[in-house]
Amino acid sequence: MDWGVHLPHLGRDVGRDSLINFAQTAESLGMHSAWVSDHVCWPAVFDSKYPYSSDGSFPAPVGLGWLDPIGTLMFVAACTEKLRLGFTVLILPYRPPVATAKQLATIDVVSEGRLILGVGVGWMREEAEVLGMPWDNRGKRSDEQLEIFERLFRDETPSFHGEFYSFPEVRFEPKPIQQPVPVWVGGNSKAAFQRTARFGEGFHAAFEPLSKVEEEWNQIKVECENLGRDPGEITLSLRMFLDPNEMMETAKSIGGSANQMVDTIGRVQDIGVSHILVDPVARGGIEGRLDTLSSFMNDVAPQIG
């Protein structure tokens, strides 16, 4: 099992020292990867429903700091050596594709090939409107963006002429070190499953009961078969709360005692998950979360095959 951890780039106390300390400690504990989420700003009142809570509410309190995900990974690339750097997930419709491709290629170059490009189409229409970006056909737009990334990252003089985006032959250097950059797709729709089969090296589920993840994974296998692709080429990843004190929803958490955590992870492995992104939940701020992470990596992770 590979272990990822969500970085503390959102909260009431975000900044340089906390990010460096958290990322370097996670690396020293043997974590495989470090991850960031994507929001820029949103209206104080909005109607869109958050897909990962039971009532559709978005659990972001007033005054919550949220550092830019791309900038955060650039920063963490400079203060770590081995951690892979991922998005959970980058919302493609919020950004123009060519400029975004340049930022992504830069992360991969300065990190010496550690980027995991987690992508999604988003859920908050109002945020896209604040950013001046179109929300219609966002799935098709996202697919075109992924095609654009492929060409810019690979071709000597890439060009693109699609339904939504177009540009002539250009020079785009440097290319990412990884060829190709691994794309991990998030989402819970048929379009997301098709996107995974077409573009993905990974499917990244988040905060869903295992029965739902298994159902989605089976649908991805069908989409892979439709394209003649081996689903064994795709990593199944799941984001969960790391919650020893059981403060969060049990179905979305690794919680309780060490033995309970081992049992939960065993059930996660049974459905095919080989990468777990943990979101530590603990009192005591960032130090409390690091203590929780340290205990998990020392007491639980060694018991997992």
C-alpha atoms as a PDB file:
ATOM      1  CA  MET A   1       0.000   0.000   0.000  1.00  0.00           C
ATOM      2  CA  ASP A   2       1.183   3.502  -0.837  1.00  0.00           C
ATOM      3  CA  TRP A   3       0.325   6.238   1.659  1.00  0.00           C
ATOM      4  CA  GLY A   4      -0.451   9.833   0.782  1.00  0.00           C
ATOM      5  CA  VAL A   5      -1.261  12.716   3.105  1.00  0.00           C
ATOM      6  CA  HIS A   6      -3.141  15.962   2.618  1.00  0.00           C
ATOM      7  CA  LEU A   7      -0.938  18.995   3.193  1.00  0.00           C
ATOM      8  CA  PRO A   8      -1.981  21.769   5.617  1.00  0.00           C
ATOM      9  CA  HIS A   9      -2.430  24.401   2.915  1.00  0.00           C
ATOM     10  CA  LEU A  10      -5.930  25.193   4.150  1.00  0.00           C
ATOM     11  CA  GLY A  11      -6.934  26.213   7.642  1.00  0.00           C
ATOM     12  CA  ARG A  12      -6.716  29.136  10.002  1.00  0.00           C
ATOM     13  CA  ASP A  13      -2.939  28.983  10.369  1.00  0.00           C
ATOM     14  CA  VAL A  14      -1.380  28.392   6.955  1.00  0.00           C
ATOM     15  CA  GLY A  15       2.109  29.521   6.116  1.00  0.00           C
ATOM     16  CA  ARG A  16       5.717  28.768   5.303  1.00  0.00           C
ATOM     17  CA  ASP A  17       6.947  27.104   8.481  1.00  0.00           C
ATOM     18  CA  SER A  18       3.937  24.844   8.944  1.00  0.00           C
ATOM     19  CA  LEU A  19       4.117  23.616   5.349  1.00  0.00           C
ATOM     20  CA  ILE A  20       7.841  22.911   5.509  1.00  0.00           C
ATOM     21  CA  ASN A  21       7.563  21.123   8.852  1.00  0.00           C
ATOM     22  CA  PHE A  22       4.576  19.032   7.782  1.00  0.00           C
ATOM     23  CA  ALA A  23       5.958  18.046   4.370  1.00  0.00           C
ATOM     24  CA  GLN A  24       9.434  17.180   5.633  1.00  0.00           C
ATOM     25  CA  THR A  25       8.042  15.204   8.569  1.00  0.00           C
ATOM     26  CA  ALA A  26       5.711  13.279   6.247  1.00  0.00           C
ATOM     27  CA  GLU A  27       8.665  12.484   4.010  1.00  0.00           C
ATOM     28  CA  SER A  28      10.759  11.293   6.942  1.00  0.00           C
ATOM     29  CA  LEU A  29       7.896   9.017   8.040  1.00  0.00           C
ATOM     30  CA  GLY A  30       8.016   7.263   4.676  1.00  0.00           C
ATOM     31  CA  MET A  31       4.911   8.749   3.064  1.00  0.00           C
ATOM     32  CA  HIS A  32       4.619   8.131  -0.657  1.00  0.00           C
ATOM     33  CA  SER A  33       2.921  11.399  -1.616  1.00  0.00           C
ATOM     34  CA  ALA A  34       1.587  14.774  -0.454  1.00  0.00           C
ATOM     35  CA  TRP A  35      -1.617  16.333  -1.804  1.00  0.00           C
ATOM     36  CA  VAL A  36      -3.456  19.631  -2.167  1.00  0.00           C
ATOM     37  CA  SER A  37      -7.088  20.559  -2.807  1.00  0.00           C
ATOM     38  CA  ASP A  38      -8.349  23.225  -5.174  1.00  0.00           C
ATOM     39  CA  HIS A  39     -10.504  26.238  -4.388  1.00  0.00           C
ATOM     40  CA  VAL A  40      -9.736  29.847  -5.258  1.00  0.00           C
ATOM     41  CA  CYS A  41     -12.681  31.840  -3.909  1.00  0.00           C
ATOM     42  CA  TRP A  42     -16.432  31.499  -3.866  1.00  0.00           C
ATOM     43  CA  PRO A  43     -19.490  33.654  -3.155  1.00  0.00           C
ATOM     44  CA  ALA A  44     -20.515  34.041   0.479  1.00  0.00           C
ATOM     45  CA  VAL A  45     -23.845  32.455  -0.511  1.00  0.00           C
ATOM     46  CA  PHE A  46     -24.220  29.843  -3.255  1.00  0.00           C
ATOM     47  CA  ASP A  47     -26.653  27.116  -4.307  1.00  0.00           C
ATOM     48  CA  SER A  48     -24.312  24.392  -5.594  1.00  0.00           C
ATOM     49  CA  LYS A  49     -24.267  21.230  -3.479  1.00  0.00           C
ATOM     50  CA  TYR A  50     -21.040  19.698  -2.199  1.00  0.00           C
ATOM     51  CA  PRO A  51     -21.076  16.053  -3.394  1.00  0.00           C
ATOM     52  CA  TYR A  52     -19.127  14.592  -0.446  1.00  0.00           C
ATOM     53  CA  SER A  53     -21.386  15.535   2.470  1.00  0.00           C
ATOM     54  CA  SER A  54     -24.695  13.932   3.352  1.00  0.00           C
ATOM     55  CA  ASP A  55     -26.642  17.202   3.202  1.00  0.00           C
ATOM     56  CA  GLY A  56     -24.748  18.920   0.366  1.00  0.00           C
ATOM     57  CA  SER A  57     -23.215  21.548   2.633  1.00  0.00           C
ATOM     58  CA  PHE A  58     -19.645  22.688   2.016  1.00  0.00           C
ATOM     59  CA  PRO A  59     -17.654  22.342   5.287  1.00  0.00           C
ATOM     60  CA  ALA A  60     -15.557  25.497   4.905  1.00  0.00           C
ATOM     61  CA  PRO A  61     -15.992  27.906   7.840  1.00  0.00           C
ATOM     62  CA  VAL A  62     -15.751  31.680   7.545  1.00  0.00           C
ATOM     63  CA  GLY A  63     -12.132  32.821   7.756  1.00  0.00           C
ATOM     64  CA  LEU A  64     -10.658  29.609   6.351  1.00  0.00           C
ATOM     65  CA  GLY A  65      -7.329  30.206   4.624  1.00  0.00           C
ATOM     66  CA  TRP A  66      -6.738  28.282   1.390  1.00  0.00           C
ATOM     67  CA  LEU A  67      -3.379  28.566  -0.343  1.00  0.00           C
ATOM     68  CA  ASP A  68      -3.226  28.148  -4.109  1.00  0.00           C
ATOM     69  CA  PRO A  69      -2.710  24.442  -4.919  1.00  0.00           C
ATOM     70  CA  ILE A  70      -0.276  24.943  -7.790  1.00  0.00           C
ATOM     71  CA  GLY A  71       1.846  27.411  -5.837  1.00  0.00           C
ATOM     72  CA  THR A  72       1.794  25.132  -2.801  1.00  0.00           C
ATOM     73  CA  LEU A  73       3.164  22.178  -4.760  1.00  0.00           C
ATOM     74  CA  MET A  74       5.868  24.397  -6.262  1.00  0.00           C
ATOM     75  CA  PHE A  75       6.878  25.365  -2.734  1.00  0.00           C
ATOM     76  CA  VAL A  76       6.797  21.823  -1.360  1.00  0.00           C
ATOM     77  CA  ALA A  77       8.831  20.592  -4.330  1.00  0.00           C
ATOM     78  CA  ALA A  78      11.644  22.851  -3.141  1.00  0.00           C
ATOM     79  CA  CYS A  79      11.712  21.614   0.455  1.00  0.00           C
ATOM     80  CA  THR A  80      11.362  17.852  -0.152  1.00  0.00           C
ATOM     81  CA  GLU A  81      13.284  15.250  -2.117  1.00  0.00           C
ATOM     82  CA  LYS A  82      11.134  12.135  -2.528  1.00  0.00           C
ATOM     83  CA  LEU A  83       7.465  12.915  -1.872  1.00  0.00           C
ATOM     84  CA  ARG A  84       5.293  12.659  -4.948  1.00  0.00           C
ATOM     85  CA  LEU A  85       3.154  15.779  -5.345  1.00  0.00           C
ATOM     86  CA  GLY A  86      -0.524  15.463  -6.236  1.00  0.00           C
ATOM     87  CA  PHE A  87      -3.793  17.339  -6.639  1.00  0.00           C
ATOM     88  CA  THR A  88      -6.958  16.021  -5.025  1.00  0.00           C
ATOM     89  CA  VAL A  89      -8.069  17.348  -7.453  1.00  0.00           C
ATOM     90  CA  LEU A  90      -7.176  20.234  -9.793  1.00  0.00           C
ATOM     91  CA  ILE A  91     -10.422  21.669 -11.184  1.00  0.00           C
ATOM     92  CA  LEU A  92      -9.713  21.988 -14.880  1.00  0.00           C
ATOM     93  CA  PRO A  93     -12.636  24.313 -15.789  1.00  0.00           C
ATOM     94  CA  TYR A  94     -11.263  26.994 -13.437  1.00  0.00           C
ATOM     95  CA  ARG A  95      -8.151  27.564 -15.572  1.00  0.00           C
ATOM     96  CA  PRO A  96      -6.980  28.175 -19.155  1.00  0.00           C
ATOM     97  CA  PRO A  97      -5.254  25.051 -20.472  1.00  0.00           C
ATOM     98  CA  VAL A  98      -2.005  26.333 -22.003  1.00  0.00           C
ATOM     99  CA  ALA A  99      -1.021  28.511 -19.027  1.00  0.00           C
ATOM    100  CA  THR A 100      -1.965  25.664 -16.680  1.00  0.00           C
ATOM    101  CA  ALA A 101       0.155  23.235 -18.691  1.00  0.00           C
ATOM    102  CA  LYS A 102       3.152  25.524 -18.217  1.00  0.00           C
ATOM    103  CA  GLN A 103       2.650  25.547 -14.439  1.00  0.00           C
ATOM    104  CA  LEU A 104       2.258  21.767 -14.323  1.00  0.00           C
ATOM    105  CA  ALA A 105       5.344  21.172 -16.439  1.00  0.00           C
ATOM    106  CA  THR A 106       7.266  23.512 -14.139  1.00  0.00           C
ATOM    107  CA  ILE A 107       6.238  21.526 -11.054  1.00  0.00           C
ATOM    108  CA  ASP A 108       7.393  18.300 -12.675  1.00  0.00           C
ATOM    109  CA  VAL A 109      10.728  19.793 -13.742  1.00  0.00           C
ATOM    110  CA  VAL A 110      11.618  21.471 -10.436  1.00  0.00           C
ATOM    111  CA  SER A 111      10.540  18.380  -8.468  1.00  0.00           C
ATOM    112  CA  GLU A 112      12.571  16.127 -10.785  1.00  0.00           C
ATOM    113  CA  GLY A 113       9.558  14.137 -11.938  1.00  0.00           C
ATOM    114  CA  ARG A 114       7.302  13.877  -8.886  1.00  0.00           C
ATOM    115  CA  LEU A 115       3.979  15.305 -10.131  1.00  0.00           C
ATOM    116  CA  ILE A 116       0.703  13.365 -10.005  1.00  0.00           C
ATOM    117  CA  LEU A 117      -1.895  15.271 -11.996  1.00  0.00           C
ATOM    118  CA  GLY A 118      -5.154  14.604 -10.178  1.00  0.00           C
ATOM    119  CA  VAL A 119      -7.987  16.201 -12.161  1.00  0.00           C
ATOM    120  CA  GLY A 120     -11.701  16.851 -11.841  1.00  0.00           C
ATOM    121  CA  VAL A 121     -14.448  18.943 -13.398  1.00  0.00           C
ATOM    122  CA  GLY A 122     -15.640  20.605 -10.193  1.00  0.00           C
ATOM    123  CA  TRP A 123     -19.009  21.044  -8.532  1.00  0.00           C
ATOM    124  CA  MET A 124     -19.312  24.766  -7.656  1.00  0.00           C
ATOM    125  CA  ARG A 125     -20.698  26.647 -10.650  1.00  0.00           C
ATOM    126  CA  GLU A 126     -20.606  29.931  -8.753  1.00  0.00           C
ATOM    127  CA  GLU A 127     -16.844  29.707  -8.194  1.00  0.00           C
ATOM    128  CA  ALA A 128     -16.208  29.266 -11.915  1.00  0.00           C
ATOM    129  CA  GLU A 129     -18.394  32.310 -12.576  1.00  0.00           C
ATOM    130  CA  VAL A 130     -16.385  34.389 -10.096  1.00  0.00           C
ATOM    131  CA  LEU A 131     -13.243  33.343 -11.967  1.00  0.00           C
ATOM    132  CA  GLY A 132     -14.770  34.321 -15.303  1.00  0.00           C
ATOM    133  CA  MET A 133     -14.640  30.770 -16.645  1.00  0.00           C
ATOM    134  CA  PRO A 134     -17.430  28.968 -18.542  1.00  0.00           C
ATOM    135  CA  TRP A 135     -19.330  26.210 -16.744  1.00  0.00           C
ATOM    136  CA  ASP A 136     -21.238  24.781 -19.704  1.00  0.00           C
ATOM    137  CA  ASN A 137     -19.877  21.544 -21.181  1.00  0.00           C
ATOM    138  CA  ARG A 138     -17.230  21.459 -18.472  1.00  0.00           C
ATOM    139  CA  GLY A 139     -16.689  17.733 -18.934  1.00  0.00           C
ATOM    140  CA  LYS A 140     -15.984  18.084 -22.644  1.00  0.00           C
ATOM    141  CA  ARG A 141     -13.825  21.128 -21.952  1.00  0.00           C
ATOM    142  CA  SER A 142     -11.842  19.134 -19.397  1.00  0.00           C
ATOM    143  CA  ASP A 143     -11.296  16.296 -21.866  1.00  0.00           C
ATOM    144  CA  GLU A 144      -9.962  18.797 -24.399  1.00  0.00           C
ATOM    145  CA  GLN A 145      -7.660  20.221 -21.738  1.00  0.00           C
ATOM    146  CA  LEU A 146      -6.232  16.764 -21.088  1.00  0.00           C
ATOM    147  CA  GLU A 147      -5.641  16.323 -24.818  1.00  0.00           C
ATOM    148  CA  ILE A 148      -3.898  19.698 -24.882  1.00  0.00           C
ATOM    149  CA  PHE A 149      -1.675  18.711 -21.962  1.00  0.00           C
ATOM    150  CA  GLU A 150      -0.698  15.508 -23.770  1.00  0.00           C
ATOM    151  CA  ARG A 151       0.332  17.390 -26.905  1.00  0.00           C
ATOM    152  CA  LEU A 152       2.152  20.200 -25.133  1.00  0.00           C
ATOM    153  CA  PHE A 153       4.023  17.751 -22.922  1.00  0.00           C
ATOM    154  CA  ARG A 154       4.985  15.430 -25.812  1.00  0.00           C
ATOM    155  CA  ASP A 155       5.129  17.063 -29.248  1.00  0.00           C
ATOM    156  CA  GLU A 156       7.992  19.154 -30.583  1.00  0.00           C
ATOM    157  CA  THR A 157       5.656  21.760 -32.113  1.00  0.00           C
ATOM    158  CA  PRO A 158       2.228  21.031 -30.634  1.00  0.00           C
ATOM    159  CA  SER A 159      -1.000  22.498 -31.963  1.00  0.00           C
ATOM    160  CA  PHE A 160      -4.651  21.954 -31.176  1.00  0.00           C
ATOM    161  CA  HIS A 161      -7.967  22.678 -32.886  1.00  0.00           C
ATOM    162  CA  GLY A 162     -10.938  21.518 -30.851  1.00  0.00           C
ATOM    163  CA  GLU A 163     -14.513  22.504 -30.148  1.00  0.00           C
ATOM    164  CA  PHE A 164     -13.605  24.785 -27.233  1.00  0.00           C
ATOM    165  CA  TYR A 165      -9.870  25.477 -27.493  1.00  0.00           C
ATOM    166  CA  SER A 166      -7.554  26.144 -30.399  1.00  0.00           C
ATOM    167  CA  PHE A 167      -3.967  27.258 -30.963  1.00  0.00           C
ATOM    168  CA  PRO A 168      -1.435  27.019 -33.829  1.00  0.00           C
ATOM    169  CA  GLU A 169       1.909  25.260 -33.689  1.00  0.00           C
ATOM    170  CA  VAL A 170       3.858  26.526 -30.695  1.00  0.00           C
ATOM    171  CA  ARG A 171       7.140  25.970 -28.906  1.00  0.00           C
ATOM    172  CA  PHE A 172       6.591  24.647 -25.404  1.00  0.00           C
ATOM    173  CA  GLU A 173       9.676  23.933 -23.315  1.00  0.00           C
ATOM    174  CA  PRO A 174      10.797  22.447 -21.087  1.00  0.00           C
ATOM    175  CA  LYS A 175       8.755  19.286 -21.275  1.00  0.00           C
ATOM    176  CA  PRO A 176       7.909  17.489 -18.034  1.00  0.00           C
ATOM    177  CA  ILE A 177      10.493  14.972 -16.917  1.00  0.00           C
ATOM    178  CA  GLN A 178       7.835  12.266 -16.665  1.00  0.00           C
ATOM    179  CA  GLN A 179       6.643  10.981 -20.004  1.00  0.00           C
ATOM    180  CA  PRO A 180       3.766  10.815 -19.657  1.00  0.00           C
ATOM    181  CA  VAL A 181       2.775  12.777 -16.571  1.00  0.00           C
ATOM    182  CA  PRO A 182       0.473  10.431 -14.602  1.00  0.00           C
ATOM    183  CA  VAL A 183      -3.157  11.572 -14.651  1.00  0.00           C
ATOM    184  CA  TRP A 184      -5.425  10.470 -11.797  1.00  0.00           C
ATOM    185  CA  VAL A 185      -9.091  11.207 -12.421  1.00  0.00           C
ATOM    186  CA  GLY A 186     -11.602  12.115  -9.726  1.00  0.00           C
ATOM    187  CA  GLY A 187     -15.396  12.147  -9.949  1.00  0.00           C
ATOM    188  CA  ASN A 188     -18.395   9.885  -9.535  1.00  0.00           C
ATOM    189  CA  SER A 189     -20.164  10.095 -12.902  1.00  0.00           C
ATOM    190  CA  LYS A 190     -20.155   7.931 -16.011  1.00  0.00           C
ATOM    191  CA  ALA A 191     -18.199  10.673 -17.766  1.00  0.00           C
ATOM    192  CA  ALA A 192     -15.535  10.504 -15.044  1.00  0.00           C
ATOM    193  CA  PHE A 193     -15.267   6.749 -15.464  1.00  0.00           C
ATOM    194  CA  GLN A 194     -14.896   7.146 -19.224  1.00  0.00           C
ATOM    195  CA  ARG A 195     -12.287   9.868 -18.648  1.00  0.00           C
ATOM    196  CA  THR A 196     -10.377   7.491 -16.381  1.00  0.00           C
ATOM    197  CA  ALA A 197     -10.378   4.734 -18.984  1.00  0.00           C
ATOM    198  CA  ARG A 198      -9.255   7.147 -21.685  1.00  0.00           C
ATOM    199  CA  PHE A 199      -6.665   9.290 -19.894  1.00  0.00           C
ATOM    200  CA  GLY A 200      -6.047   7.907 -16.421  1.00  0.00           C
ATOM    201  CA  GLU A 201      -3.178   6.123 -14.777  1.00  0.00           C
ATOM    202  CA  GLY A 202      -5.272   6.309 -11.629  1.00  0.00           C
ATOM    203  CA  PHE A 203      -8.822   6.726 -10.371  1.00  0.00           C
ATOM    204  CA  HIS A 204      -8.971   8.875  -7.255  1.00  0.00           C
ATOM    205  CA  ALA A 205     -12.120   8.461  -5.161  1.00  0.00           C
ATOM    206  CA  ALA A 206     -12.750  10.675  -2.139  1.00  0.00           C
ATOM    207  CA  PHE A 207     -14.737  10.297   1.073  1.00  0.00           C
ATOM    208  CA  GLU A 208     -17.077   7.588  -0.204  1.00  0.00           C
ATOM    209  CA  PRO A 209     -18.224   4.343   1.438  1.00  0.00           C
ATOM    210  CA  LEU A 210     -16.359   1.279   0.227  1.00  0.00           C
ATOM    211  CA  SER A 211     -19.456  -0.175  -1.426  1.00  0.00           C
ATOM    212  CA  LYS A 212     -19.725   2.965  -3.566  1.00  0.00           C
ATOM    213  CA  VAL A 213     -16.015   2.907  -4.467  1.00  0.00           C
ATOM    214  CA  GLU A 214     -16.268  -0.754  -5.458  1.00  0.00           C
ATOM    215  CA  GLU A 215     -19.282   0.000  -7.647  1.00  0.00           C
ATOM    216  CA  GLU A 216     -17.415   2.855  -9.353  1.00  0.00           C
ATOM    217  CA  TRP A 217     -14.325   0.710  -9.860  1.00  0.00           C
ATOM    218  CA  ASN A 218     -16.393  -1.977 -11.551  1.00  0.00           C
ATOM    219  CA  GLN A 219     -17.856   0.630 -13.900  1.00  0.00           C
ATOM    220  CA  ILE A 220     -14.352   1.829 -14.762  1.00  0.00           C
ATOM    221  CA  LYS A 221     -13.390  -1.739 -15.638  1.00  0.00           C
ATOM    222  CA  VAL A 222     -16.321  -1.861 -18.069  1.00  0.00           C
ATOM    223  CA  GLU A 223     -15.217   1.418 -19.669  1.00  0.00           C
ATOM    224  CA  CYS A 224     -11.680   0.049 -19.997  1.00  0.00           C
ATOM    225  CA  GLU A 225     -13.016  -3.061 -21.718  1.00  0.00           C
ATOM    226  CA  ASN A 226     -14.976  -0.849 -24.129  1.00  0.00           C
ATOM    227  CA  LEU A 227     -11.681   0.812 -25.126  1.00  0.00           C
ATOM    228  CA  GLY A 228      -9.694  -2.412 -25.189  1.00  0.00           C
ATOM    229  CA  ARG A 229      -7.620  -1.282 -22.227  1.00  0.00           C
ATOM    230  CA  ASP A 230      -6.375  -3.413 -19.325  1.00  0.00           C
ATOM    231  CA  PRO A 231      -7.845  -1.969 -16.080  1.00  0.00           C
ATOM    232  CA  GLY A 232      -4.852  -3.453 -14.278  1.00  0.00           C
ATOM    233  CA  GLU A 233      -2.865  -0.509 -15.639  1.00  0.00           C
ATOM    234  CA  ILE A 234      -4.889   1.864 -13.446  1.00  0.00           C
ATOM    235  CA  THR A 235      -4.193   2.629  -9.777  1.00  0.00           C
ATOM    236  CA  LEU A 236      -7.239   2.793  -7.501  1.00  0.00           C
ATOM    237  CA  SER A 237      -6.795   5.512  -4.880  1.00  0.00           C
ATOM    238  CA  LEU A 238      -9.088   6.519  -2.029  1.00  0.00           C
ATOM    239  CA  ARG A 239      -9.012   9.625   0.158  1.00  0.00           C
ATOM    240  CA  MET A 240     -10.131   8.952   3.749  1.00  0.00           C
ATOM    241  CA  PHE A 241     -10.048  10.662   7.117  1.00  0.00           C
ATOM    242  CA  LEU A 242      -7.368   9.381   9.493  1.00  0.00           C
ATOM    243  CA  ASP A 243      -9.410   9.619  12.659  1.00  0.00           C
ATOM    244  CA  PRO A 244      -8.226   7.657  15.706  1.00  0.00           C
ATOM    245  CA  ASN A 245     -10.706   9.448  17.977  1.00  0.00           C
ATOM    246  CA  GLU A 246     -13.608   8.707  15.611  1.00  0.00           C
ATOM    247  CA  MET A 247     -14.803  12.284  15.244  1.00  0.00           C
ATOM    248  CA  MET A 248     -15.797  11.952  11.565  1.00  0.00           C
ATOM    249  CA  GLU A 249     -18.200   9.752   9.626  1.00  0.00           C
ATOM    250  CA  THR A 250     -17.089   6.146  10.117  1.00  0.00           C
ATOM    251  CA  ALA A 251     -17.800   5.011   6.554  1.00  0.00           C
ATOM    252  CA  LYS A 252     -15.310   7.575   5.222  1.00  0.00           C
ATOM    253  CA  SER A 253     -12.591   7.074   7.827  1.00  0.00           C
ATOM    254  CA  ILE A 254      -9.752   4.963   9.096  1.00  0.00           C
ATOM    255  CA  GLY A 255     -10.450   5.278  12.792  1.00  0.00           C
ATOM    256  CA  GLY A 256     -10.394   3.759  16.247  1.00  0.00           C
ATOM    257  CA  SER A 257      -7.640   1.566  17.629  1.00  0.00           C
ATOM    258  CA  ALA A 258      -4.672   0.264  15.660  1.00  0.00           C
ATOM    259  CA  ASN A 259      -6.421  -3.094  15.255  1.00  0.00           C
ATOM    260  CA  GLN A 260      -9.583  -1.405  14.003  1.00  0.00           C
ATOM    261  CA  MET A 261      -7.532   0.577  11.497  1.00  0.00           C
ATOM    262  CA  VAL A 262      -5.830  -2.565  10.211  1.00  0.00           C
ATOM    263  CA  ASP A 263      -9.233  -4.215   9.745  1.00  0.00           C
ATOM    264  CA  THR A 264     -10.583  -1.202   7.853  1.00  0.00           C
ATOM    265  CA  ILE A 265      -7.553  -1.049   5.582  1.00  0.00           C
ATOM    266  CA  GLY A 266      -7.924  -4.751   4.874  1.00  0.00           C
ATOM    267  CA  ARG A 267     -11.450  -4.124   3.586  1.00  0.00           C
ATOM    268  CA  VAL A 268     -10.129  -1.231   1.499  1.00  0.00           C
ATOM    269  CA  GLN A 269      -7.479  -3.485  -0.032  1.00  0.00           C
ATOM    270  CA  ASP A 270     -10.077  -6.150  -0.808  1.00  0.00           C
ATOM    271  CA  ILE A 271     -11.792  -3.881  -3.339  1.00  0.00           C
ATOM    272  CA  GLY A 272      -8.516  -3.148  -5.108  1.00  0.00           C
ATOM    273  CA  VAL A 273      -7.280   0.090  -3.520  1.00  0.00           C
ATOM    274  CA  SER A 274      -3.478   0.360  -3.594  1.00  0.00           C
ATOM    275  CA  HIS A 275      -3.077   4.034  -2.598  1.00  0.00           C
ATOM    276  CA  ILE A 276      -4.756   5.679   0.397  1.00  0.00           C
ATOM    277  CA  LEU A 277      -4.639   9.438   0.869  1.00  0.00           C
ATOM    278  CA  VAL A 278      -5.169  10.187   4.557  1.00  0.00           C
ATOM    279  CA  ASP A 279      -6.589  13.416   5.921  1.00  0.00           C
ATOM    280  CA  PRO A 280      -5.474  13.458   9.590  1.00  0.00           C
ATOM    281  CA  VAL A 281      -8.144  14.601  12.045  1.00  0.00           C
ATOM    282  CA  ALA A 282      -6.883  15.643  15.473  1.00  0.00           C
ATOM    283  CA  ARG A 283      -7.030  18.342  18.085  1.00  0.00           C
ATOM    284  CA  GLY A 284      -3.950  20.468  18.629  1.00  0.00           C
ATOM    285  CA  GLY A 285      -3.587  21.998  15.178  1.00  0.00           C
ATOM    286  CA  ILE A 286      -0.842  20.923  12.819  1.00  0.00           C
ATOM    287  CA  GLU A 287       1.265  19.354  15.586  1.00  0.00           C
ATOM    288  CA  GLY A 288      -1.694  17.235  16.623  1.00  0.00           C
ATOM    289  CA  ARG A 289      -2.187  16.092  13.059  1.00  0.00           C
ATOM    290  CA  LEU A 290       1.501  15.227  12.746  1.00  0.00           C
ATOM    291  CA  ASP A 291       1.324  13.214  15.965  1.00  0.00           C
ATOM    292  CA  THR A 292      -1.634  11.293  14.534  1.00  0.00           C
ATOM    293  CA  LEU A 293       0.222  10.698  11.281  1.00  0.00           C
ATOM    294  CA  SER A 294       3.383   9.574  13.094  1.00  0.00           C
ATOM    295  CA  SER A 295       1.477   7.086  15.235  1.00  0.00           C
ATOM    296  CA  PHE A 296      -0.228   5.690  12.168  1.00  0.00           C
ATOM    297  CA  MET A 297       2.980   5.275  10.180  1.00  0.00           C
ATOM    298  CA  ASN A 298       4.818   3.685  13.110  1.00  0.00           C
ATOM    299  CA  ASP A 299       2.061   1.469  14.537  1.00  0.00           C
ATOM    300  CA  VAL A 300      -0.386   0.691  11.733  1.00  0.00           C
ATOM    301  CA  ALA A 301       1.257   1.047   8.324  1.00  0.00           C
ATOM    302  CA  PRO A 302       3.950  -1.617   9.014  1.00  0.00           C
ATOM    303  CA  GLN A 303       1.172  -4.178   9.536  1.00  0.00           C
ATOM    304  CA  ILE A 304      -0.226  -3.611   6.022  1.00  0.00           C
ATOM    305  CA  GLY A 305       1.028  -5.631   3.101  1.00  0.00           C
END
